[in-house]
Amino acid sequence: MTYKTIFKGRLEFGNARSYETVFKMYQHRVENYYKSDILLDEEIFDEETASLIVPRFITQGSEKSWKNTISMLEYVAQFAIAGNMTAWMTENGKILKHGIVEPKSDRSAVQAYLKGRELIEKKGKEDEAIKSLTKAIEKYDRHAQAYERRGYINYQLKNYDDAIYDFTKSIDFSPSNPEPYLGRGIVHKLNKNYDDAIHDFDLSIKTSIPLQPIYWHARRFKAACHLAQKDFAGSLPDLKFFCNRVFKNNDPNAHYKRAMWFDYGKALLEVKQYEEAFNAFDQVLQLEEGKDKIKEADKYLYRGIAREKAGKNGFLKDWRKAEELGSKKAPALLKRK
């Protein structure tokens, strides 16, 4: 039986000598251990950058081929100085297997990066994390992941110029990584550089896949930028995709469904798609939990507005409920009726 498999990522070997050694070992191992039963071929090796590069590769393969390919990637990763590979095996859109392969050797650049990444998760350890990640960069100046993680810390510390620099360097060295585009886009959004932010979020979407949470993070932020520009029509595709997506409970995007339905409803009102707007606000009221600050009164207020504009009955009941919940706009709407 075969399954849909997806591979993407990059492993860097640092110099021509290491690259040549790894490439020869790869050829030997594929022929003698796996009998060529793997899902990637030699074209993934790039001599010019001394790297193994898979921007995105989708194919059908057996479970055995999947295991062989992961095993091969884990083998060559022990000789890499930076990078990572992500892989999925799926069936009908459901993830059956998921793997992340990255260097874990005792090389100083590898250990400095792993330490810095670990320190990011510890409150108050930001300076130590930056020092470790800077050390990784000093040991290997093309360390895209170290730049991206350092950029993230600088963003958290509100060192926005430094964050932009780090995210940009990460993109320069690994342009198929979605994370630095997302990070740089968020900083542009905070600086109200919405066009630049939208461009970066779009690139984050294009370099990721819907199986990754980051894909949906980027769509959410991109929609917010369009809304900030009052480009309501421009926001609709990302809002619609997000709202129609079914997220697992452990997916961080699941917490934003109610907020996105609410924004979707307001954007639909602005473009005069009243029936769809009513359905969106109805969804808002059906969702019991969400990471948002939507006032309960506003949920009924806007559903009532959409009801009326769509020519539906029940809008007065919605507005009375909104008034009862403290809406300041609902009384005026009721008065004119």
C-alpha atoms as a PDB file:
ATOM      1  CA  MET A   1       0.000   0.000   0.000  1.00  0.00           C
ATOM      2  CA  THR A   2       1.267   3.477  -0.829  1.00  0.00           C
ATOM      3  CA  TYR A   3       0.738   6.789   0.934  1.00  0.00           C
ATOM      4  CA  LYS A   4       1.205  10.442   0.104  1.00  0.00           C
ATOM      5  CA  THR A   5       4.569  11.569   1.484  1.00  0.00           C
ATOM      6  CA  ILE A   6       5.921  15.097   1.786  1.00  0.00           C
ATOM      7  CA  PHE A   7       9.507  16.157   2.488  1.00  0.00           C
ATOM      8  CA  LYS A   8      10.907  19.660   2.895  1.00  0.00           C
ATOM      9  CA  GLY A   9      13.952  21.242   4.451  1.00  0.00           C
ATOM     10  CA  ARG A  10      17.672  21.692   4.214  1.00  0.00           C
ATOM     11  CA  LEU A  11      20.800  20.236   5.838  1.00  0.00           C
ATOM     12  CA  GLU A  12      24.090  22.139   5.643  1.00  0.00           C
ATOM     13  CA  PHE A  13      27.466  20.435   5.828  1.00  0.00           C
ATOM     14  CA  GLY A  14      29.609  23.536   6.165  1.00  0.00           C
ATOM     15  CA  ASN A  15      32.377  22.978   3.632  1.00  0.00           C
ATOM     16  CA  ALA A  16      33.259  21.130   0.431  1.00  0.00           C
ATOM     17  CA  ARG A  17      35.246  18.438   2.206  1.00  0.00           C
ATOM     18  CA  SER A  18      32.411  17.452   4.565  1.00  0.00           C
ATOM     19  CA  TYR A  19      29.936  17.635   1.718  1.00  0.00           C
ATOM     20  CA  GLU A  20      31.962  15.298  -0.499  1.00  0.00           C
ATOM     21  CA  THR A  21      32.379  12.780   2.332  1.00  0.00           C
ATOM     22  CA  VAL A  22      28.660  12.791   3.121  1.00  0.00           C
ATOM     23  CA  PHE A  23      27.682  12.479  -0.532  1.00  0.00           C
ATOM     24  CA  LYS A  24      29.866   9.387  -0.989  1.00  0.00           C
ATOM     25  CA  MET A  25      28.530   7.810   2.193  1.00  0.00           C
ATOM     26  CA  TYR A  26      24.990   8.553   1.041  1.00  0.00           C
ATOM     27  CA  GLN A  27      25.562   6.800  -2.286  1.00  0.00           C
ATOM     28  CA  HIS A  28      27.120   3.780  -0.570  1.00  0.00           C
ATOM     29  CA  ARG A  29      24.347   3.524   2.014  1.00  0.00           C
ATOM     30  CA  VAL A  30      21.518   3.857  -0.522  1.00  0.00           C
ATOM     31  CA  GLU A  31      22.960   1.112  -2.709  1.00  0.00           C
ATOM     32  CA  ASN A  32      24.034  -1.298   0.013  1.00  0.00           C
ATOM     33  CA  TYR A  33      21.602  -0.744   2.900  1.00  0.00           C
ATOM     34  CA  TYR A  34      18.392   0.352   1.243  1.00  0.00           C
ATOM     35  CA  LYS A  35      18.785  -1.177  -2.227  1.00  0.00           C
ATOM     36  CA  SER A  36      17.651   2.194  -3.652  1.00  0.00           C
ATOM     37  CA  ASP A  37      14.291   1.856  -1.864  1.00  0.00           C
ATOM     38  CA  ILE A  38      14.106   5.473  -0.711  1.00  0.00           C
ATOM     39  CA  LEU A  39      11.865   8.339  -1.779  1.00  0.00           C
ATOM     40  CA  LEU A  40      14.557  10.947  -2.522  1.00  0.00           C
ATOM     41  CA  ASP A  41      17.303  10.897  -5.118  1.00  0.00           C
ATOM     42  CA  GLU A  42      20.786  12.359  -5.529  1.00  0.00           C
ATOM     43  CA  GLU A  43      19.417  15.584  -7.004  1.00  0.00           C
ATOM     44  CA  ILE A  44      18.714  16.799  -3.462  1.00  0.00           C
ATOM     45  CA  PHE A  45      22.464  17.395  -3.022  1.00  0.00           C
ATOM     46  CA  ASP A  46      23.755  20.856  -3.962  1.00  0.00           C
ATOM     47  CA  GLU A  47      27.528  21.002  -4.339  1.00  0.00           C
ATOM     48  CA  GLU A  48      27.659  24.793  -4.669  1.00  0.00           C
ATOM     49  CA  THR A  49      26.231  25.384  -1.176  1.00  0.00           C
ATOM     50  CA  ALA A  50      27.490  22.100   0.325  1.00  0.00           C
ATOM     51  CA  SER A  51      23.926  21.282   1.328  1.00  0.00           C
ATOM     52  CA  LEU A  52      21.111  18.782   0.984  1.00  0.00           C
ATOM     53  CA  ILE A  53      18.085  20.790  -0.164  1.00  0.00           C
ATOM     54  CA  VAL A  54      14.450  19.728  -0.537  1.00  0.00           C
ATOM     55  CA  PRO A  55      12.290  22.869  -1.039  1.00  0.00           C
ATOM     56  CA  ARG A  56       9.200  20.615  -1.196  1.00  0.00           C
ATOM     57  CA  PHE A  57       8.886  17.103  -2.552  1.00  0.00           C
ATOM     58  CA  ILE A  58       5.589  15.190  -2.752  1.00  0.00           C
ATOM     59  CA  THR A  59       5.347  11.589  -3.889  1.00  0.00           C
ATOM     60  CA  GLN A  60       3.627   8.261  -3.243  1.00  0.00           C
ATOM     61  CA  GLY A  61       5.518   5.655  -1.257  1.00  0.00           C
ATOM     62  CA  SER A  62       5.205   2.590   0.922  1.00  0.00           C
ATOM     63  CA  GLU A  63       5.681   2.647   4.684  1.00  0.00           C
ATOM     64  CA  LYS A  64       8.978   0.800   4.221  1.00  0.00           C
ATOM     65  CA  SER A  65      10.220   3.425   1.757  1.00  0.00           C
ATOM     66  CA  TRP A  66       9.199   6.157   4.209  1.00  0.00           C
ATOM     67  CA  LYS A  67      11.141   4.502   7.045  1.00  0.00           C
ATOM     68  CA  ASN A  68      14.188   4.008   4.813  1.00  0.00           C
ATOM     69  CA  THR A  69      14.145   7.653   3.749  1.00  0.00           C
ATOM     70  CA  ILE A  70      13.837   8.930   7.328  1.00  0.00           C
ATOM     71  CA  SER A  71      16.648   6.598   8.392  1.00  0.00           C
ATOM     72  CA  MET A  72      18.850   7.879   5.570  1.00  0.00           C
ATOM     73  CA  LEU A  73      18.141  11.516   6.483  1.00  0.00           C
ATOM     74  CA  GLU A  74      18.941  10.820  10.148  1.00  0.00           C
ATOM     75  CA  TYR A  75      22.215   9.235   9.063  1.00  0.00           C
ATOM     76  CA  VAL A  76      23.400  12.213   6.991  1.00  0.00           C
ATOM     77  CA  ALA A  77      22.071  14.722   9.571  1.00  0.00           C
ATOM     78  CA  GLN A  78      24.705  13.586  12.066  1.00  0.00           C
ATOM     79  CA  PHE A  79      27.321  15.112   9.751  1.00  0.00           C
ATOM     80  CA  ALA A  80      25.429  18.388   9.198  1.00  0.00           C
ATOM     81  CA  ILE A  81      26.263  21.643  10.933  1.00  0.00           C
ATOM     82  CA  ALA A  82      22.868  23.325  10.546  1.00  0.00           C
ATOM     83  CA  GLY A  83      19.373  22.948   9.109  1.00  0.00           C
ATOM     84  CA  ASN A  84      16.483  20.531   9.503  1.00  0.00           C
ATOM     85  CA  MET A  85      14.193  18.299   7.468  1.00  0.00           C
ATOM     86  CA  THR A  86      10.468  17.799   8.048  1.00  0.00           C
ATOM     87  CA  ALA A  87       8.493  14.890   6.628  1.00  0.00           C
ATOM     88  CA  TRP A  88       4.891  13.688   6.614  1.00  0.00           C
ATOM     89  CA  MET A  89       3.169  10.501   5.548  1.00  0.00           C
ATOM     90  CA  THR A  90      -0.553  11.075   4.982  1.00  0.00           C
ATOM     91  CA  GLU A  91      -3.717   9.383   3.795  1.00  0.00           C
ATOM     92  CA  ASN A  92      -6.811  11.360   2.757  1.00  0.00           C
ATOM     93  CA  GLY A  93      -5.463  14.471   4.455  1.00  0.00           C
ATOM     94  CA  LYS A  94      -4.816  12.681   7.763  1.00  0.00           C
ATOM     95  CA  ILE A  95      -1.253  12.631   9.139  1.00  0.00           C
ATOM     96  CA  LEU A  96      -0.143   9.044   9.737  1.00  0.00           C
ATOM     97  CA  LYS A  97       3.509   9.778  10.477  1.00  0.00           C
ATOM     98  CA  HIS A  98       5.455  12.983  11.074  1.00  0.00           C
ATOM     99  CA  GLY A  99       9.190  13.334  11.498  1.00  0.00           C
ATOM    100  CA  ILE A 100      11.697  16.143  12.092  1.00  0.00           C
ATOM    101  CA  VAL A 101      15.358  15.435  11.406  1.00  0.00           C
ATOM    102  CA  GLU A 102      18.081  17.839  12.538  1.00  0.00           C
ATOM    103  CA  PRO A 103      21.771  17.826  13.503  1.00  0.00           C
ATOM    104  CA  LYS A 104      22.446  16.713  17.085  1.00  0.00           C
ATOM    105  CA  SER A 105      26.190  16.115  16.979  1.00  0.00           C
ATOM    106  CA  ASP A 106      28.741  17.483  19.469  1.00  0.00           C
ATOM    107  CA  ARG A 107      30.011  20.104  16.992  1.00  0.00           C
ATOM    108  CA  SER A 108      30.180  23.481  18.710  1.00  0.00           C
ATOM    109  CA  ALA A 109      27.832  25.243  16.251  1.00  0.00           C
ATOM    110  CA  VAL A 110      25.235  22.501  16.688  1.00  0.00           C
ATOM    111  CA  GLN A 111      25.405  22.500  20.482  1.00  0.00           C
ATOM    112  CA  ALA A 112      25.353  26.301  20.722  1.00  0.00           C
ATOM    113  CA  TYR A 113      22.210  26.429  18.561  1.00  0.00           C
ATOM    114  CA  LEU A 114      20.435  23.673  20.516  1.00  0.00           C
ATOM    115  CA  LYS A 115      21.283  25.366  23.814  1.00  0.00           C
ATOM    116  CA  GLY A 116      20.076  28.756  22.547  1.00  0.00           C
ATOM    117  CA  ARG A 117      16.838  27.282  21.265  1.00  0.00           C
ATOM    118  CA  GLU A 118      16.230  25.590  24.613  1.00  0.00           C
ATOM    119  CA  LEU A 119      16.903  28.808  26.544  1.00  0.00           C
ATOM    120  CA  ILE A 120      14.255  30.662  24.520  1.00  0.00           C
ATOM    121  CA  GLU A 121      11.610  28.640  26.352  1.00  0.00           C
ATOM    122  CA  LYS A 122      12.890  29.798  29.770  1.00  0.00           C
ATOM    123  CA  LYS A 123      11.638  33.138  31.011  1.00  0.00           C
ATOM    124  CA  GLY A 124      14.412  35.574  31.903  1.00  0.00           C
ATOM    125  CA  LYS A 125      17.016  33.684  29.875  1.00  0.00           C
ATOM    126  CA  GLU A 126      16.760  35.860  26.747  1.00  0.00           C
ATOM    127  CA  ASP A 127      20.271  37.321  27.012  1.00  0.00           C
ATOM    128  CA  GLU A 128      21.787  33.871  27.484  1.00  0.00           C
ATOM    129  CA  ALA A 129      19.800  32.561  24.529  1.00  0.00           C
ATOM    130  CA  ILE A 130      21.074  35.395  22.319  1.00  0.00           C
ATOM    131  CA  LYS A 131      24.656  34.666  23.389  1.00  0.00           C
ATOM    132  CA  SER A 132      24.308  30.973  22.510  1.00  0.00           C
ATOM    133  CA  LEU A 133      22.693  31.668  19.158  1.00  0.00           C
ATOM    134  CA  THR A 134      25.312  34.320  18.372  1.00  0.00           C
ATOM    135  CA  LYS A 135      27.984  31.738  19.166  1.00  0.00           C
ATOM    136  CA  ALA A 136      26.356  29.317  16.722  1.00  0.00           C
ATOM    137  CA  ILE A 137      26.420  32.027  14.044  1.00  0.00           C
ATOM    138  CA  GLU A 138      30.075  32.825  14.782  1.00  0.00           C
ATOM    139  CA  LYS A 139      30.927  29.149  14.353  1.00  0.00           C
ATOM    140  CA  TYR A 140      28.899  28.885  11.149  1.00  0.00           C
ATOM    141  CA  ASP A 141      27.969  32.221   9.624  1.00  0.00           C
ATOM    142  CA  ARG A 142      25.254  30.749   7.340  1.00  0.00           C
ATOM    143  CA  HIS A 143      23.226  29.322  10.230  1.00  0.00           C
ATOM    144  CA  ALA A 144      19.719  30.258   9.062  1.00  0.00           C
ATOM    145  CA  GLN A 145      17.948  28.653  12.032  1.00  0.00           C
ATOM    146  CA  ALA A 146      20.137  30.486  14.567  1.00  0.00           C
ATOM    147  CA  TYR A 147      19.419  33.803  12.862  1.00  0.00           C
ATOM    148  CA  GLU A 148      15.680  33.049  12.838  1.00  0.00           C
ATOM    149  CA  ARG A 149      15.596  32.102  16.525  1.00  0.00           C
ATOM    150  CA  ARG A 150      17.690  35.142  17.487  1.00  0.00           C
ATOM    151  CA  GLY A 151      15.290  37.260  15.455  1.00  0.00           C
ATOM    152  CA  TYR A 152      12.400  35.812  17.444  1.00  0.00           C
ATOM    153  CA  ILE A 153      14.035  36.798  20.746  1.00  0.00           C
ATOM    154  CA  ASN A 154      14.754  40.303  19.453  1.00  0.00           C
ATOM    155  CA  TYR A 155      11.107  40.568  18.432  1.00  0.00           C
ATOM    156  CA  GLN A 156      10.015  39.523  21.923  1.00  0.00           C
ATOM    157  CA  LEU A 157      12.379  42.103  23.433  1.00  0.00           C
ATOM    158  CA  LYS A 158      10.966  44.725  21.021  1.00  0.00           C
ATOM    159  CA  ASN A 159      14.359  45.161  19.366  1.00  0.00           C
ATOM    160  CA  TYR A 160      12.558  45.424  16.051  1.00  0.00           C
ATOM    161  CA  ASP A 161      15.448  46.645  13.887  1.00  0.00           C
ATOM    162  CA  ASP A 162      17.635  43.774  15.125  1.00  0.00           C
ATOM    163  CA  ALA A 163      14.770  41.340  14.565  1.00  0.00           C
ATOM    164  CA  ILE A 164      14.335  42.500  10.954  1.00  0.00           C
ATOM    165  CA  TYR A 165      18.080  42.084  10.392  1.00  0.00           C
ATOM    166  CA  ASP A 166      18.107  38.543  11.802  1.00  0.00           C
ATOM    167  CA  PHE A 167      15.003  37.393   9.939  1.00  0.00           C
ATOM    168  CA  THR A 168      16.383  38.819   6.690  1.00  0.00           C
ATOM    169  CA  LYS A 169      19.725  37.046   7.141  1.00  0.00           C
ATOM    170  CA  SER A 170      17.872  33.798   7.803  1.00  0.00           C
ATOM    171  CA  ILE A 171      15.884  34.255   4.590  1.00  0.00           C
ATOM    172  CA  ASP A 172      19.054  35.025   2.639  1.00  0.00           C
ATOM    173  CA  PHE A 173      20.604  31.716   3.681  1.00  0.00           C
ATOM    174  CA  SER A 174      17.481  29.536   3.558  1.00  0.00           C
ATOM    175  CA  PRO A 175      14.751  31.135   1.417  1.00  0.00           C
ATOM    176  CA  SER A 176      12.476  28.078   1.562  1.00  0.00           C
ATOM    177  CA  ASN A 177      11.965  28.336   5.350  1.00  0.00           C
ATOM    178  CA  PRO A 178       8.553  29.813   6.295  1.00  0.00           C
ATOM    179  CA  GLU A 179       9.489  30.857   9.861  1.00  0.00           C
ATOM    180  CA  PRO A 180      11.618  33.961   9.148  1.00  0.00           C
ATOM    181  CA  TYR A 181       9.043  35.289   6.681  1.00  0.00           C
ATOM    182  CA  LEU A 182       6.389  34.983   9.392  1.00  0.00           C
ATOM    183  CA  GLY A 183       8.638  36.643  11.975  1.00  0.00           C
ATOM    184  CA  ARG A 184       9.622  39.530   9.709  1.00  0.00           C
ATOM    185  CA  GLY A 185       5.988  39.941   8.642  1.00  0.00           C
ATOM    186  CA  ILE A 186       4.866  40.247  12.267  1.00  0.00           C
ATOM    187  CA  VAL A 187       7.431  42.981  12.903  1.00  0.00           C
ATOM    188  CA  HIS A 188       6.361  44.823   9.743  1.00  0.00           C
ATOM    189  CA  LYS A 189       2.744  44.523  10.937  1.00  0.00           C
ATOM    190  CA  LEU A 190       3.637  45.995  14.330  1.00  0.00           C
ATOM    191  CA  ASN A 191       5.384  48.865  12.525  1.00  0.00           C
ATOM    192  CA  LYS A 192       2.234  49.293  10.377  1.00  0.00           C
ATOM    193  CA  ASN A 193       4.177  48.516   7.211  1.00  0.00           C
ATOM    194  CA  TYR A 194       1.227  46.501   5.994  1.00  0.00           C
ATOM    195  CA  ASP A 195       2.262  46.005   2.363  1.00  0.00           C
ATOM    196  CA  ASP A 196       5.642  44.578   3.427  1.00  0.00           C
ATOM    197  CA  ALA A 197       3.919  42.430   6.050  1.00  0.00           C
ATOM    198  CA  ILE A 198       1.424  41.036   3.537  1.00  0.00           C
ATOM    199  CA  HIS A 199       4.291  40.201   1.162  1.00  0.00           C
ATOM    200  CA  ASP A 200       6.135  38.285   3.906  1.00  0.00           C
ATOM    201  CA  PHE A 201       3.031  36.458   5.126  1.00  0.00           C
ATOM    202  CA  ASP A 202       2.323  35.440   1.547  1.00  0.00           C
ATOM    203  CA  LEU A 203       5.836  34.006   1.243  1.00  0.00           C
ATOM    204  CA  SER A 204       5.396  32.171   4.549  1.00  0.00           C
ATOM    205  CA  ILE A 205       2.233  30.599   3.135  1.00  0.00           C
ATOM    206  CA  LYS A 206       3.971  29.649  -0.119  1.00  0.00           C
ATOM    207  CA  THR A 207       6.943  28.035   1.660  1.00  0.00           C
ATOM    208  CA  SER A 208       4.808  26.008   4.080  1.00  0.00           C
ATOM    209  CA  ILE A 209       1.992  23.511   3.659  1.00  0.00           C
ATOM    210  CA  PRO A 210      -1.499  23.324   5.211  1.00  0.00           C
ATOM    211  CA  LEU A 211      -0.360  20.468   7.464  1.00  0.00           C
ATOM    212  CA  GLN A 212       1.826  22.986   9.335  1.00  0.00           C
ATOM    213  CA  PRO A 213       0.332  25.372  11.929  1.00  0.00           C
ATOM    214  CA  ILE A 214       2.572  28.160  10.590  1.00  0.00           C
ATOM    215  CA  TYR A 215       0.652  28.085   7.285  1.00  0.00           C
ATOM    216  CA  TRP A 216      -2.511  29.123   9.142  1.00  0.00           C
ATOM    217  CA  HIS A 217      -0.705  31.599  11.390  1.00  0.00           C
ATOM    218  CA  ALA A 218       0.445  33.379   8.240  1.00  0.00           C
ATOM    219  CA  ARG A 219      -3.062  33.408   6.743  1.00  0.00           C
ATOM    220  CA  ARG A 220      -4.467  34.841   9.979  1.00  0.00           C
ATOM    221  CA  PHE A 221      -1.917  37.651  10.149  1.00  0.00           C
ATOM    222  CA  LYS A 222      -2.241  38.389   6.434  1.00  0.00           C
ATOM    223  CA  ALA A 223      -6.002  38.805   6.781  1.00  0.00           C
ATOM    224  CA  ALA A 224      -5.464  41.166   9.732  1.00  0.00           C
ATOM    225  CA  CYS A 225      -3.203  43.372   7.593  1.00  0.00           C
ATOM    226  CA  HIS A 226      -5.804  43.608   4.839  1.00  0.00           C
ATOM    227  CA  LEU A 227      -8.415  44.563   7.428  1.00  0.00           C
ATOM    228  CA  ALA A 228      -6.108  47.225   8.903  1.00  0.00           C
ATOM    229  CA  GLN A 229      -5.895  48.726   5.412  1.00  0.00           C
ATOM    230  CA  LYS A 230      -9.692  48.484   5.079  1.00  0.00           C
ATOM    231  CA  ASP A 231      -9.121  46.177   2.120  1.00  0.00           C
ATOM    232  CA  PHE A 232     -12.111  44.027   3.054  1.00  0.00           C
ATOM    233  CA  ALA A 233     -12.291  42.192  -0.271  1.00  0.00           C
ATOM    234  CA  GLY A 234      -8.567  41.388  -0.003  1.00  0.00           C
ATOM    235  CA  SER A 235      -9.056  39.852   3.434  1.00  0.00           C
ATOM    236  CA  LEU A 236     -11.822  37.461   2.378  1.00  0.00           C
ATOM    237  CA  PRO A 237      -9.788  34.589   0.824  1.00  0.00           C
ATOM    238  CA  ASP A 238      -7.576  34.136   3.915  1.00  0.00           C
ATOM    239  CA  LEU A 239     -10.514  34.527   6.302  1.00  0.00           C
ATOM    240  CA  LYS A 240     -12.594  32.007   4.355  1.00  0.00           C
ATOM    241  CA  PHE A 241      -9.785  29.425   4.140  1.00  0.00           C
ATOM    242  CA  PHE A 242      -9.100  29.752   7.865  1.00  0.00           C
ATOM    243  CA  CYS A 243     -12.754  29.568   8.926  1.00  0.00           C
ATOM    244  CA  ASN A 244     -13.431  26.498   6.799  1.00  0.00           C
ATOM    245  CA  ARG A 245     -10.401  24.643   8.144  1.00  0.00           C
ATOM    246  CA  VAL A 246     -11.017  21.932  10.749  1.00  0.00           C
ATOM    247  CA  PHE A 247      -8.265  22.152  13.369  1.00  0.00           C
ATOM    248  CA  LYS A 248      -7.400  19.546  15.955  1.00  0.00           C
ATOM    249  CA  ASN A 249      -7.841  20.688  19.558  1.00  0.00           C
ATOM    250  CA  ASN A 250      -4.063  20.760  20.110  1.00  0.00           C
ATOM    251  CA  ASP A 251      -3.484  23.031  17.113  1.00  0.00           C
ATOM    252  CA  PRO A 252      -2.804  26.600  18.351  1.00  0.00           C
ATOM    253  CA  ASN A 253      -4.886  27.968  15.476  1.00  0.00           C
ATOM    254  CA  ALA A 254      -8.039  26.352  16.880  1.00  0.00           C
ATOM    255  CA  HIS A 255      -8.233  29.059  19.554  1.00  0.00           C
ATOM    256  CA  TYR A 256      -8.629  31.779  16.907  1.00  0.00           C
ATOM    257  CA  LYS A 257     -11.579  30.303  15.004  1.00  0.00           C
ATOM    258  CA  ARG A 258     -14.167  32.504  16.729  1.00  0.00           C
ATOM    259  CA  ALA A 259     -12.136  35.686  16.180  1.00  0.00           C
ATOM    260  CA  MET A 260     -11.666  34.834  12.509  1.00  0.00           C
ATOM    261  CA  TRP A 261     -15.372  34.094  12.016  1.00  0.00           C
ATOM    262  CA  PHE A 262     -16.160  37.472  13.579  1.00  0.00           C
ATOM    263  CA  ASP A 263     -13.696  39.304  11.299  1.00  0.00           C
ATOM    264  CA  TYR A 264     -15.023  37.317   8.347  1.00  0.00           C
ATOM    265  CA  GLY A 265     -18.553  38.416   9.154  1.00  0.00           C
ATOM    266  CA  LYS A 266     -17.573  42.094   9.403  1.00  0.00           C
ATOM    267  CA  ALA A 267     -15.635  41.941   6.115  1.00  0.00           C
ATOM    268  CA  LEU A 268     -18.619  40.294   4.402  1.00  0.00           C
ATOM    269  CA  LEU A 269     -20.872  43.061   5.686  1.00  0.00           C
ATOM    270  CA  GLU A 270     -18.553  45.646   4.163  1.00  0.00           C
ATOM    271  CA  VAL A 271     -18.697  43.996   0.730  1.00  0.00           C
ATOM    272  CA  LYS A 272     -22.484  43.579   1.052  1.00  0.00           C
ATOM    273  CA  GLN A 273     -22.535  39.774   1.147  1.00  0.00           C
ATOM    274  CA  TYR A 274     -25.220  39.840   3.810  1.00  0.00           C
ATOM    275  CA  GLU A 275     -26.390  36.210   3.763  1.00  0.00           C
ATOM    276  CA  GLU A 276     -22.822  34.973   4.196  1.00  0.00           C
ATOM    277  CA  ALA A 277     -22.227  37.592   6.902  1.00  0.00           C
ATOM    278  CA  PHE A 278     -25.229  36.322   8.870  1.00  0.00           C
ATOM    279  CA  ASN A 279     -23.896  32.750   8.639  1.00  0.00           C
ATOM    280  CA  ALA A 280     -20.492  33.918   9.883  1.00  0.00           C
ATOM    281  CA  PHE A 281     -21.911  35.716  12.941  1.00  0.00           C
ATOM    282  CA  ASP A 282     -24.129  32.700  13.612  1.00  0.00           C
ATOM    283  CA  GLN A 283     -20.949  30.590  13.754  1.00  0.00           C
ATOM    284  CA  VAL A 284     -19.452  33.063  16.234  1.00  0.00           C
ATOM    285  CA  LEU A 285     -22.367  32.474  18.604  1.00  0.00           C
ATOM    286  CA  GLN A 286     -22.072  28.704  18.247  1.00  0.00           C
ATOM    287  CA  LEU A 287     -18.404  28.640  19.279  1.00  0.00           C
ATOM    288  CA  GLU A 288     -18.149  28.564  23.056  1.00  0.00           C
ATOM    289  CA  GLU A 289     -14.414  29.162  23.379  1.00  0.00           C
ATOM    290  CA  GLY A 290     -11.897  31.378  21.643  1.00  0.00           C
ATOM    291  CA  LYS A 291      -8.776  33.483  22.112  1.00  0.00           C
ATOM    292  CA  ASP A 292     -10.412  36.839  21.562  1.00  0.00           C
ATOM    293  CA  LYS A 293     -11.962  39.806  23.360  1.00  0.00           C
ATOM    294  CA  ILE A 294     -15.252  39.917  21.450  1.00  0.00           C
ATOM    295  CA  LYS A 295     -17.962  41.370  23.649  1.00  0.00           C
ATOM    296  CA  GLU A 296     -20.965  39.124  24.033  1.00  0.00           C
ATOM    297  CA  ALA A 297     -23.194  42.058  23.140  1.00  0.00           C
ATOM    298  CA  ASP A 298     -21.354  42.589  19.834  1.00  0.00           C
ATOM    299  CA  LYS A 299     -21.988  39.023  18.750  1.00  0.00           C
ATOM    300  CA  TYR A 300     -25.743  39.619  18.860  1.00  0.00           C
ATOM    301  CA  LEU A 301     -25.479  43.188  17.582  1.00  0.00           C
ATOM    302  CA  TYR A 302     -23.670  42.209  14.396  1.00  0.00           C
ATOM    303  CA  ARG A 303     -25.756  39.113  13.799  1.00  0.00           C
ATOM    304  CA  GLY A 304     -28.810  41.325  14.034  1.00  0.00           C
ATOM    305  CA  ILE A 305     -27.332  43.803  11.539  1.00  0.00           C
ATOM    306  CA  ALA A 306     -26.561  40.986   9.101  1.00  0.00           C
ATOM    307  CA  ARG A 307     -30.041  39.480   9.635  1.00  0.00           C
ATOM    308  CA  GLU A 308     -31.734  42.751   8.791  1.00  0.00           C
ATOM    309  CA  LYS A 309     -29.611  43.436   5.704  1.00  0.00           C
ATOM    310  CA  ALA A 310     -30.131  39.851   4.489  1.00  0.00           C
ATOM    311  CA  GLY A 311     -33.909  40.340   4.813  1.00  0.00           C
ATOM    312  CA  LYS A 312     -34.260  37.809   7.624  1.00  0.00           C
ATOM    313  CA  ASN A 313     -36.563  37.905  10.648  1.00  0.00           C
ATOM    314  CA  GLY A 314     -35.207  37.904  14.201  1.00  0.00           C
ATOM    315  CA  PHE A 315     -32.921  40.940  14.055  1.00  0.00           C
ATOM    316  CA  LEU A 316     -34.966  42.832  16.672  1.00  0.00           C
ATOM    317  CA  LYS A 317     -34.564  39.917  19.072  1.00  0.00           C
ATOM    318  CA  ASP A 318     -30.786  39.982  18.473  1.00  0.00           C
ATOM    319  CA  TRP A 319     -30.619  43.729  19.118  1.00  0.00           C
ATOM    320  CA  ARG A 320     -32.697  43.454  22.302  1.00  0.00           C
ATOM    321  CA  LYS A 321     -30.306  40.772  23.525  1.00  0.00           C
ATOM    322  CA  ALA A 322     -27.379  43.039  22.637  1.00  0.00           C
ATOM    323  CA  GLU A 323     -29.009  45.921  24.549  1.00  0.00           C
ATOM    324  CA  GLU A 324     -29.560  43.641  27.538  1.00  0.00           C
ATOM    325  CA  LEU A 325     -25.863  42.752  27.448  1.00  0.00           C
ATOM    326  CA  GLY A 326     -24.814  46.400  27.496  1.00  0.00           C
ATOM    327  CA  SER A 327     -24.440  47.367  23.835  1.00  0.00           C
ATOM    328  CA  LYS A 328     -24.421  51.130  23.323  1.00  0.00           C
ATOM    329  CA  LYS A 329     -25.309  50.828  19.634  1.00  0.00           C
ATOM    330  CA  ALA A 330     -28.285  48.502  19.965  1.00  0.00           C
ATOM    331  CA  PRO A 331     -30.690  51.072  21.541  1.00  0.00           C
ATOM    332  CA  ALA A 332     -30.266  53.424  18.570  1.00  0.00           C
ATOM    333  CA  LEU A 333     -30.950  50.596  16.129  1.00  0.00           C
ATOM    334  CA  LEU A 334     -34.048  49.589  18.060  1.00  0.00           C
ATOM    335  CA  LYS A 335     -35.291  53.166  18.235  1.00  0.00           C
ATOM    336  CA  ARG A 336     -35.284  53.639  14.473  1.00  0.00           C
ATOM    337  CA  LYS A 337     -37.490  50.527  14.171  1.00  0.00           C
END
